Amino acid sequence: MSLRLLYLIFSRLLGWFALLARSSASKDVELLVLRHEVAVLRRANPKPRFDWADRAYLAALVR
């Protein structure tokens, strides 16, 4: 258990040090790629549209 915890702490620290060592240009590129991925996923899975019956059912569940 403690060995696993030490491994997780060590790997998280290495990840943080890797982020510190990266340039701002590479971080900007990563942000652009992630925003593009989110846009593609939103197009693939649009937000569901509820009709009046669905909204009534959800309102009843909340109460």
PDB file of N, CA and C in Angstrom:
ATOM      1  N   MET A   1       0.831  -1.188   0.000  1.00  0.00           N
ATOM      2  CA  MET A   1       0.000   0.000   0.000  1.00  0.00           C
ATOM      3  C   MET A   1       0.874   1.248   0.000  1.00  0.00           C
ATOM      4  N   SER A   2       1.861   1.304   0.896  1.00  0.00           N
ATOM      5  CA  SER A   2       2.711   2.491   0.970  1.00  0.00           C
ATOM      6  C   SER A   2       3.608   2.612  -0.260  1.00  0.00           C
ATOM      7  N   LEU A   3       4.004   1.470  -0.826  1.00  0.00           N
ATOM      8  CA  LEU A   3       4.820   1.512  -2.034  1.00  0.00           C
ATOM      9  C   LEU A   3       4.024   2.102  -3.202  1.00  0.00           C
ATOM     10  N   ARG A   4       2.763   1.747  -3.279  1.00  0.00           N
ATOM     11  CA  ARG A   4       1.913   2.289  -4.332  1.00  0.00           C
ATOM     12  C   ARG A   4       1.720   3.792  -4.142  1.00  0.00           C
ATOM     13  N   LEU A   5       1.541   4.223  -2.907  1.00  0.00           N
ATOM     14  CA  LEU A   5       1.383   5.645  -2.618  1.00  0.00           C
ATOM     15  C   LEU A   5       2.649   6.413  -2.990  1.00  0.00           C
ATOM     16  N   LEU A   6       3.803   5.870  -2.653  1.00  0.00           N
ATOM     17  CA  LEU A   6       5.058   6.524  -3.023  1.00  0.00           C
ATOM     18  C   LEU A   6       5.211   6.607  -4.540  1.00  0.00           C
ATOM     19  N   TYR A   7       4.812   5.551  -5.235  1.00  0.00           N
ATOM     20  CA  TYR A   7       4.883   5.568  -6.693  1.00  0.00           C
ATOM     21  C   TYR A   7       3.973   6.645  -7.265  1.00  0.00           C
ATOM     22  N   LEU A   8       2.752   6.741  -6.752  1.00  0.00           N
ATOM     23  CA  LEU A   8       1.817   7.753  -7.256  1.00  0.00           C
ATOM     24  C   LEU A   8       2.325   9.166  -6.994  1.00  0.00           C
ATOM     25  N   ILE A   9       2.867   9.405  -5.821  1.00  0.00           N
ATOM     26  CA  ILE A   9       3.425  10.722  -5.502  1.00  0.00           C
ATOM     27  C   ILE A   9       4.601  11.033  -6.421  1.00  0.00           C
ATOM     28  N   PHE A  10       5.475  10.073  -6.609  1.00  0.00           N
ATOM     29  CA  PHE A  10       6.644  10.267  -7.453  1.00  0.00           C
ATOM     30  C   PHE A  10       6.250  10.539  -8.900  1.00  0.00           C
ATOM     31  N   SER A  11       5.288   9.773  -9.413  1.00  0.00           N
ATOM     32  CA  SER A  11       4.879   9.986 -10.806  1.00  0.00           C
ATOM     33  C   SER A  11       4.187  11.336 -10.971  1.00  0.00           C
ATOM     34  N   ARG A  12       3.414  11.777  -9.976  1.00  0.00           N
ATOM     35  CA  ARG A  12       2.761  13.082 -10.056  1.00  0.00           C
ATOM     36  C   ARG A  12       3.804  14.199 -10.022  1.00  0.00           C
ATOM     37  N   LEU A  13       4.820  14.062  -9.179  1.00  0.00           N
ATOM     38  CA  LEU A  13       5.883  15.068  -9.124  1.00  0.00           C
ATOM     39  C   LEU A  13       6.646  15.143 -10.441  1.00  0.00           C
ATOM     40  N   LEU A  14       6.923  13.993 -11.038  1.00  0.00           N
ATOM     41  CA  LEU A  14       7.610  13.993 -12.324  1.00  0.00           C
ATOM     42  C   LEU A  14       6.758  14.669 -13.398  1.00  0.00           C
ATOM     43  N   GLY A  15       5.454  14.450 -13.352  1.00  0.00           N
ATOM     44  CA  GLY A  15       4.568  15.112 -14.307  1.00  0.00           C
ATOM     45  C   GLY A  15       4.585  16.619 -14.138  1.00  0.00           C
ATOM     46  N   TRP A  16       4.600  17.084 -12.886  1.00  0.00           N
ATOM     47  CA  TRP A  16       4.654  18.528 -12.631  1.00  0.00           C
ATOM     48  C   TRP A  16       5.979  19.126 -13.089  1.00  0.00           C
ATOM     49  N   PHE A  17       7.064  18.419 -12.855  1.00  0.00           N
ATOM     50  CA  PHE A  17       8.367  18.917 -13.311  1.00  0.00           C
ATOM     51  C   PHE A  17       8.436  18.951 -14.834  1.00  0.00           C
ATOM     52  N   ALA A  18       7.808  17.987 -15.480  1.00  0.00           N
ATOM     53  CA  ALA A  18       7.785  17.985 -16.945  1.00  0.00           C
ATOM     54  C   ALA A  18       6.998  19.183 -17.462  1.00  0.00           C
ATOM     55  N   LEU A  19       5.915  19.537 -16.773  1.00  0.00           N
ATOM     56  CA  LEU A  19       5.146  20.717 -17.183  1.00  0.00           C
ATOM     57  C   LEU A  19       5.955  21.996 -17.001  1.00  0.00           C
ATOM     58  N   LEU A  20       6.721  22.065 -15.937  1.00  0.00           N
ATOM     59  CA  LEU A  20       7.536  23.253 -15.698  1.00  0.00           C
ATOM     60  C   LEU A  20       8.625  23.414 -16.748  1.00  0.00           C
ATOM     61  N   ALA A  21       9.122  22.298 -17.264  1.00  0.00           N
ATOM     62  CA  ALA A  21      10.229  22.342 -18.214  1.00  0.00           C
ATOM     63  C   ALA A  21       9.760  22.669 -19.637  1.00  0.00           C
ATOM     64  N   ARG A  22       8.467  22.535 -19.911  1.00  0.00           N
ATOM     65  CA  ARG A  22       7.971  22.771 -21.262  1.00  0.00           C
ATOM     66  C   ARG A  22       7.885  24.260 -21.558  1.00  0.00           C
ATOM     67  N   SER A  23       8.017  24.573 -22.821  1.00  0.00           N
ATOM     68  CA  SER A  23       7.912  25.976 -23.225  1.00  0.00           C
ATOM     69  C   SER A  23       6.446  26.379 -23.320  1.00  0.00           C
ATOM     70  N   SER A  24       6.227  27.675 -23.343  1.00  0.00           N
ATOM     71  CA  SER A  24       4.843  28.157 -23.435  1.00  0.00           C
ATOM     72  C   SER A  24       4.251  27.852 -24.806  1.00  0.00           C
ATOM     73  N   ALA A  25       5.083  27.774 -25.837  1.00  0.00           N
ATOM     74  CA  ALA A  25       4.581  27.457 -27.176  1.00  0.00           C
ATOM     75  C   ALA A  25       4.011  26.038 -27.220  1.00  0.00           C
ATOM     76  N   SER A  26       4.686  25.095 -26.585  1.00  0.00           N
ATOM     77  CA  SER A  26       4.172  23.724 -26.591  1.00  0.00           C
ATOM     78  C   SER A  26       2.892  23.619 -25.765  1.00  0.00           C
ATOM     79  N   LYS A  27       2.792  24.420 -24.691  1.00  0.00           N
ATOM     80  CA  LYS A  27       1.563  24.431 -23.902  1.00  0.00           C
ATOM     81  C   LYS A  27       0.416  25.028 -24.714  1.00  0.00           C
ATOM     82  N   ASP A  28       0.703  26.064 -25.503  1.00  0.00           N
ATOM     83  CA  ASP A  28      -0.327  26.664 -26.351  1.00  0.00           C
ATOM     84  C   ASP A  28      -0.814  25.688 -27.417  1.00  0.00           C
ATOM     85  N   VAL A  29       0.111  24.934 -27.977  1.00  0.00           N
ATOM     86  CA  VAL A  29      -0.266  23.938 -28.984  1.00  0.00           C
ATOM     87  C   VAL A  29      -1.135  22.863 -28.352  1.00  0.00           C
ATOM     88  N   GLU A  30      -0.783  22.428 -27.157  1.00  0.00           N
ATOM     89  CA  GLU A  30      -1.586  21.413 -26.482  1.00  0.00           C
ATOM     90  C   GLU A  30      -2.994  21.931 -26.194  1.00  0.00           C
ATOM     91  N   LEU A  31      -3.110  23.190 -25.789  1.00  0.00           N
ATOM     92  CA  LEU A  31      -4.428  23.773 -25.548  1.00  0.00           C
ATOM     93  C   LEU A  31      -5.259  23.812 -26.823  1.00  0.00           C
ATOM     94  N   LEU A  32      -4.636  24.169 -27.935  1.00  0.00           N
ATOM     95  CA  LEU A  32      -5.360  24.190 -29.208  1.00  0.00           C
ATOM     96  C   LEU A  32      -5.845  22.799 -29.603  1.00  0.00           C
ATOM     97  N   VAL A  33      -4.999  21.808 -29.400  1.00  0.00           N
ATOM     98  CA  VAL A  33      -5.382  20.430 -29.734  1.00  0.00           C
ATOM     99  C   VAL A  33      -6.530  19.973 -28.845  1.00  0.00           C
ATOM    100  N   LEU A  34      -6.464  20.271 -27.555  1.00  0.00           N
ATOM    101  CA  LEU A  34      -7.528  19.861 -26.649  1.00  0.00           C
ATOM    102  C   LEU A  34      -8.838  20.572 -26.965  1.00  0.00           C
ATOM    103  N   ARG A  35      -8.775  21.847 -27.325  1.00  0.00           N
ATOM    104  CA  ARG A  35      -9.995  22.565 -27.704  1.00  0.00           C
ATOM    105  C   ARG A  35     -10.607  21.979 -28.964  1.00  0.00           C
ATOM    106  N   HIS A  36      -9.757  21.581 -29.909  1.00  0.00           N
ATOM    107  CA  HIS A  36     -10.256  20.951 -31.129  1.00  0.00           C
ATOM    108  C   HIS A  36     -10.932  19.618 -30.804  1.00  0.00           C
ATOM    109  N   GLU A  37     -10.323  18.825 -29.918  1.00  0.00           N
ATOM    110  CA  GLU A  37     -10.917  17.547 -29.530  1.00  0.00           C
ATOM    111  C   GLU A  37     -12.282  17.754 -28.882  1.00  0.00           C
ATOM    112  N   VAL A  38     -12.396  18.755 -28.026  1.00  0.00           N
ATOM    113  CA  VAL A  38     -13.676  19.046 -27.377  1.00  0.00           C
ATOM    114  C   VAL A  38     -14.708  19.458 -28.411  1.00  0.00           C
ATOM    115  N   ALA A  39     -14.308  20.273 -29.379  1.00  0.00           N
ATOM    116  CA  ALA A  39     -15.242  20.702 -30.424  1.00  0.00           C
ATOM    117  C   ALA A  39     -15.719  19.516 -31.250  1.00  0.00           C
ATOM    118  N   VAL A  40     -14.820  18.600 -31.572  1.00  0.00           N
ATOM    119  CA  VAL A  40     -15.198  17.418 -32.346  1.00  0.00           C
ATOM    120  C   VAL A  40     -16.150  16.549 -31.539  1.00  0.00           C
ATOM    121  N   LEU A  41     -15.877  16.364 -30.256  1.00  0.00           N
ATOM    122  CA  LEU A  41     -16.748  15.541 -29.426  1.00  0.00           C
ATOM    123  C   LEU A  41     -18.125  16.174 -29.260  1.00  0.00           C
ATOM    124  N   ARG A  42     -18.186  17.488 -29.170  1.00  0.00           N
ATOM    125  CA  ARG A  42     -19.488  18.149 -29.053  1.00  0.00           C
ATOM    126  C   ARG A  42     -20.299  17.992 -30.336  1.00  0.00           C
ATOM    127  N   ARG A  43     -19.642  18.007 -31.481  1.00  0.00           N
ATOM    128  CA  ARG A  43     -20.356  17.801 -32.739  1.00  0.00           C
ATOM    129  C   ARG A  43     -20.849  16.362 -32.852  1.00  0.00           C
ATOM    130  N   ALA A  44     -20.051  15.427 -32.366  1.00  0.00           N
ATOM    131  CA  ALA A  44     -20.418  14.017 -32.465  1.00  0.00           C
ATOM    132  C   ALA A  44     -21.553  13.671 -31.504  1.00  0.00           C
ATOM    133  N   ASN A  45     -21.572  14.286 -30.323  1.00  0.00           N
ATOM    134  CA  ASN A  45     -22.588  14.001 -29.315  1.00  0.00           C
ATOM    135  C   ASN A  45     -23.273  15.300 -28.927  1.00  0.00           C
ATOM    136  N   PRO A  46     -24.250  15.713 -29.705  1.00  0.00           N
ATOM    137  CA  PRO A  46     -24.899  16.991 -29.382  1.00  0.00           C
ATOM    138  C   PRO A  46     -25.684  16.892 -28.077  1.00  0.00           C
ATOM    139  N   LYS A  47     -25.946  18.039 -27.505  1.00  0.00           N
ATOM    140  CA  LYS A  47     -26.700  18.117 -26.258  1.00  0.00           C
ATOM    141  C   LYS A  47     -28.118  17.607 -26.503  1.00  0.00           C
ATOM    142  N   PRO A  48     -28.623  16.732 -25.637  1.00  0.00           N
ATOM    143  CA  PRO A  48     -29.969  16.196 -25.873  1.00  0.00           C
ATOM    144  C   PRO A  48     -31.039  17.261 -25.704  1.00  0.00           C
ATOM    145  N   ARG A  49     -32.069  17.186 -26.532  1.00  0.00           N
ATOM    146  CA  ARG A  49     -33.191  18.116 -26.460  1.00  0.00           C
ATOM    147  C   ARG A  49     -34.329  17.417 -25.708  1.00  0.00           C
ATOM    148  N   PHE A  50     -34.820  18.059 -24.659  1.00  0.00           N
ATOM    149  CA  PHE A  50     -35.909  17.491 -23.881  1.00  0.00           C
ATOM    150  C   PHE A  50     -37.239  18.061 -24.363  1.00  0.00           C
ATOM    151  N   ASP A  51     -38.241  17.203 -24.482  1.00  0.00           N
ATOM    152  CA  ASP A  51     -39.574  17.726 -24.787  1.00  0.00           C
ATOM    153  C   ASP A  51     -40.301  17.981 -23.469  1.00  0.00           C
ATOM    154  N   TRP A  52     -41.541  18.401 -23.544  1.00  0.00           N
ATOM    155  CA  TRP A  52     -42.245  18.821 -22.333  1.00  0.00           C
ATOM    156  C   TRP A  52     -42.452  17.664 -21.370  1.00  0.00           C
ATOM    157  N   ALA A  53     -42.637  16.446 -21.889  1.00  0.00           N
ATOM    158  CA  ALA A  53     -42.851  15.287 -21.017  1.00  0.00           C
ATOM    159  C   ALA A  53     -41.583  14.957 -20.229  1.00  0.00           C
ATOM    160  N   ASP A  54     -40.440  15.045 -20.883  1.00  0.00           N
ATOM    161  CA  ASP A  54     -39.178  14.792 -20.189  1.00  0.00           C
ATOM    162  C   ASP A  54     -38.945  15.814 -19.089  1.00  0.00           C
ATOM    163  N   ARG A  55     -39.214  17.074 -19.388  1.00  0.00           N
ATOM    164  CA  ARG A  55     -39.021  18.125 -18.388  1.00  0.00           C
ATOM    165  C   ARG A  55     -39.974  17.956 -17.216  1.00  0.00           C
ATOM    166  N   ALA A  56     -41.204  17.551 -17.483  1.00  0.00           N
ATOM    167  CA  ALA A  56     -42.164  17.320 -16.405  1.00  0.00           C
ATOM    168  C   ALA A  56     -41.715  16.160 -15.527  1.00  0.00           C
ATOM    169  N   TYR A  57     -41.210  15.097 -16.145  1.00  0.00           N
ATOM    170  CA  TYR A  57     -40.729  13.946 -15.402  1.00  0.00           C
ATOM    171  C   TYR A  57     -39.530  14.322 -14.526  1.00  0.00           C
ATOM    172  N   LEU A  58     -38.602  15.077 -15.070  1.00  0.00           N
ATOM    173  CA  LEU A  58     -37.433  15.500 -14.292  1.00  0.00           C
ATOM    174  C   LEU A  58     -37.836  16.439 -13.156  1.00  0.00           C
ATOM    175  N   ALA A  59     -38.795  17.313 -13.401  1.00  0.00           N
ATOM    176  CA  ALA A  59     -39.265  18.225 -12.348  1.00  0.00           C
ATOM    177  C   ALA A  59     -39.929  17.433 -11.222  1.00  0.00           C
ATOM    178  N   ALA A  60     -40.652  16.374 -11.579  1.00  0.00           N
ATOM    179  CA  ALA A  60     -41.290  15.551 -10.557  1.00  0.00           C
ATOM    180  C   ALA A  60     -40.244  14.797  -9.750  1.00  0.00           C
ATOM    181  N   LEU A  61     -39.186  14.340 -10.397  1.00  0.00           N
ATOM    182  CA  LEU A  61     -38.116  13.636  -9.688  1.00  0.00           C
ATOM    183  C   LEU A  61     -37.370  14.552  -8.720  1.00  0.00           C
ATOM    184  N   VAL A  62     -37.212  15.799  -9.098  1.00  0.00           N
ATOM    185  CA  VAL A  62     -36.479  16.732  -8.247  1.00  0.00           C
ATOM    186  C   VAL A  62     -37.259  17.012  -6.961  1.00  0.00           C
ATOM    187  N   ARG A  63     -38.567  17.095  -7.083  1.00  0.00           N
ATOM    188  CA  ARG A  63     -39.392  17.359  -5.902  1.00  0.00           C
ATOM    189  C   ARG A  63     -39.520  16.114  -5.101  1.00  0.00           C
TER     190      ARG A  63
END
